[in-house]
Every structure is written in structure tokens, then in C-alpha cells.
C-alpha atoms as a PDB file:
ATOM      1  CA  MET A   1      11.170  -7.288  -8.107  1.00  0.00           C
ATOM      2  CA  GLU A   2      11.965  -3.625  -7.528  1.00  0.00           C
ATOM      3  CA  PRO A   3      10.065  -1.231  -5.229  1.00  0.00           C
ATOM      4  CA  ALA A   4       9.203   0.979  -8.227  1.00  0.00           C
ATOM      5  CA  GLU A   5       7.469  -1.946  -9.948  1.00  0.00           C
ATOM      6  CA  ILE A   6       5.417  -2.739  -6.837  1.00  0.00           C
ATOM      7  CA  LYS A   7       4.453   0.940  -6.579  1.00  0.00           C
ATOM      8  CA  ARG A   8       3.383   0.918 -10.241  1.00  0.00           C
ATOM      9  CA  LEU A   9       1.284  -2.226  -9.764  1.00  0.00           C
ATOM     10  CA  ILE A  10      -0.428  -0.844  -6.664  1.00  0.00           C
ATOM     11  CA  GLU A  11      -1.128   2.566  -8.178  1.00  0.00           C
ATOM     12  CA  SER A  12      -2.465   1.082 -11.406  1.00  0.00           C
ATOM     13  CA  GLY A  13      -4.571  -1.481  -9.508  1.00  0.00           C
ATOM     14  CA  ILE A  14      -5.991   1.089  -7.073  1.00  0.00           C
ATOM     15  CA  PRO A  15      -6.730   4.171  -9.189  1.00  0.00           C
ATOM     16  CA  GLY A  16      -6.247   7.463  -7.372  1.00  0.00           C
ATOM     17  CA  CYS A  17      -4.109   6.022  -4.578  1.00  0.00           C
ATOM     18  CA  ALA A  18      -0.666   7.209  -3.525  1.00  0.00           C
ATOM     19  CA  ALA A  19       1.872   4.499  -2.687  1.00  0.00           C
ATOM     20  CA  GLU A  20       5.353   4.591  -1.213  1.00  0.00           C
ATOM     21  CA  VAL A  21       7.321   1.353  -1.380  1.00  0.00           C
ATOM     22  CA  GLU A  22      10.720   0.445   0.036  1.00  0.00           C
ATOM     23  CA  GLY A  23      12.525  -2.852  -0.038  1.00  0.00           C
ATOM     24  CA  ASP A  24      15.572  -4.945  -0.771  1.00  0.00           C
ATOM     25  CA  GLY A  25      14.322  -7.067  -3.646  1.00  0.00           C
ATOM     26  CA  THR A  26      12.422  -9.676  -1.618  1.00  0.00           C
ATOM     27  CA  HIS A  27      11.218  -7.931   1.563  1.00  0.00           C
ATOM     28  CA  PHE A  28       9.164  -4.777   1.162  1.00  0.00           C
ATOM     29  CA  SER A  29       7.141  -2.238   3.105  1.00  0.00           C
ATOM     30  CA  ALA A  30       4.443  -0.103   1.546  1.00  0.00           C
ATOM     31  CA  ARG A  31       2.292   2.796   2.673  1.00  0.00           C
ATOM     32  CA  ILE A  32      -0.817   3.240   0.551  1.00  0.00           C
ATOM     33  CA  VAL A  33      -3.269   6.117   0.892  1.00  0.00           C
ATOM     34  CA  SER A  34      -6.614   5.648  -0.852  1.00  0.00           C
ATOM     35  CA  GLU A  35     -10.186   6.831  -0.540  1.00  0.00           C
ATOM     36  CA  ARG A  36     -11.128   3.271  -1.462  1.00  0.00           C
ATOM     37  CA  PHE A  37     -10.123   2.153   2.052  1.00  0.00           C
ATOM     38  CA  SER A  38     -12.856   4.281   3.669  1.00  0.00           C
ATOM     39  CA  GLY A  39     -15.300   2.160   5.649  1.00  0.00           C
ATOM     40  CA  LYS A  40     -13.278  -1.016   5.110  1.00  0.00           C
ATOM     41  CA  SER A  41     -11.700  -3.217   7.763  1.00  0.00           C
ATOM     42  CA  LEU A  42      -7.925  -3.580   7.819  1.00  0.00           C
ATOM     43  CA  LEU A  43      -8.272  -7.063   6.325  1.00  0.00           C
ATOM     44  CA  GLN A  44     -10.438  -5.714   3.485  1.00  0.00           C
ATOM     45  CA  GLN A  45      -7.933  -2.926   2.837  1.00  0.00           C
ATOM     46  CA  HIS A  46      -5.050  -5.389   2.620  1.00  0.00           C
ATOM     47  CA  ARG A  47      -7.041  -7.620   0.264  1.00  0.00           C
ATOM     48  CA  ILE A  48      -7.495  -4.634  -2.066  1.00  0.00           C
ATOM     49  CA  VAL A  49      -3.711  -4.214  -2.172  1.00  0.00           C
ATOM     50  CA  TYR A  50      -3.076  -7.940  -2.680  1.00  0.00           C
ATOM     51  CA  GLU A  51      -5.563  -7.947  -5.570  1.00  0.00           C
ATOM     52  CA  ALA A  52      -3.687  -5.042  -7.156  1.00  0.00           C
ATOM     53  CA  LEU A  53      -0.481  -7.082  -6.940  1.00  0.00           C
ATOM     54  CA  GLY A  54      -2.084  -9.943  -8.836  1.00  0.00           C
ATOM     55  CA  GLY A  55      -0.783 -12.941  -6.920  1.00  0.00           C
ATOM     56  CA  ARG A  56       2.835 -11.797  -6.687  1.00  0.00           C
ATOM     57  CA  VAL A  57       2.834 -11.859  -2.863  1.00  0.00           C
ATOM     58  CA  GLY A  58       4.395 -15.153  -1.832  1.00  0.00           C
ATOM     59  CA  THR A  59       6.101 -15.685  -5.180  1.00  0.00           C
ATOM     60  CA  GLU A  60       7.996 -12.623  -6.466  1.00  0.00           C
ATOM     61  CA  ILE A  61       7.342 -10.674  -3.256  1.00  0.00           C
ATOM     62  CA  HIS A  62       8.379 -12.839  -0.323  1.00  0.00           C
ATOM     63  CA  ALA A  63       7.422 -10.421   2.462  1.00  0.00           C
ATOM     64  CA  LEU A  64       5.272  -7.310   2.357  1.00  0.00           C
ATOM     65  CA  SER A  65       4.453  -5.079   5.302  1.00  0.00           C
ATOM     66  CA  LEU A  66       1.457  -2.830   4.612  1.00  0.00           C
ATOM     67  CA  GLN A  67       0.259   0.417   6.090  1.00  0.00           C
ATOM     68  CA  THR A  68      -3.092   1.341   4.537  1.00  0.00           C
ATOM     69  CA  LEU A  69      -4.693   4.708   5.240  1.00  0.00           C
ATOM     70  CA  THR A  70      -7.580   6.826   4.047  1.00  0.00           C
ATOM     71  CA  PRO A  71      -6.703  10.390   3.009  1.00  0.00           C
ATOM     72  CA  GLU A  72      -8.234  11.639   6.267  1.00  0.00           C
ATOM     73  CA  GLN A  73      -6.113   9.272   8.360  1.00  0.00           C
ATOM     74  CA  TRP A  74      -3.002  10.335   6.451  1.00  0.00           C
ATOM     75  CA  SER A  75      -3.804  14.031   7.004  1.00  0.00           C
ATOM     76  CA  ARG A  76      -4.200  13.450  10.754  1.00  0.00           C
ATOM     77  CA  LYS A  77      -0.930  11.519  10.879  1.00  0.00           C
ATOM     78  CA  LEU A  78       0.884  14.346   9.081  1.00  0.00           C
ATOM     79  CA  ALA A  79      -0.668  16.930  11.421  1.00  0.00           C
ATOM     80  CA  LEU A  80       0.648  15.003  14.435  1.00  0.00           C
ATOM     81  CA  LYS A  81       4.173  15.060  13.002  1.00  0.00           C
ATOM     82  CA  VAL A  82       4.061  18.827  12.567  1.00  0.00           C
ATOM     83  CA  ASP A  83       2.875  19.591  16.110  1.00  0.00           C
END
């Protein structure tokens, strides 16, 4: 599976999110920014992503590292990089 396909699956499964995905064909890392993560625990956020991937984690995707952020968290992170 290619990073672009994982990005497409995440973005279609979590409408309005922005995803960045990198990987080598079996091991991937993804940063997903979504308003849908607001008020959710980290475990709940990751479950949202896994649901969007439709059971591919563990089969087509052997390893996936996730960074899930709300738009506010992403804005703060970007502001820290600028300062």
C-alpha cells in the first residue's frame, strides 16, 4: 500500500480532516488534523483513524504511527515552530 492511498482513505473516512502520510510500503507514520478529535481521548482519536482505514491495519498496513491533533493543537504546534 502506498502513502497516498492511506491518505485518501483517512481523508475520505474523516471528512474535513487534513492528513500527511509517509512510509515505505509496510511501515507508515501519519499526522491527522481534525475537528472530530476535539474532546476525545487519544485512544478514541486513534479508533476514528482505524475505522477510516477499514481493517487494513495489521494486514496491508503492518505498522502505523499516528499523531492526531485538533486544529487548535496544530495551530499551537505551528506557532511554537515559528518562535
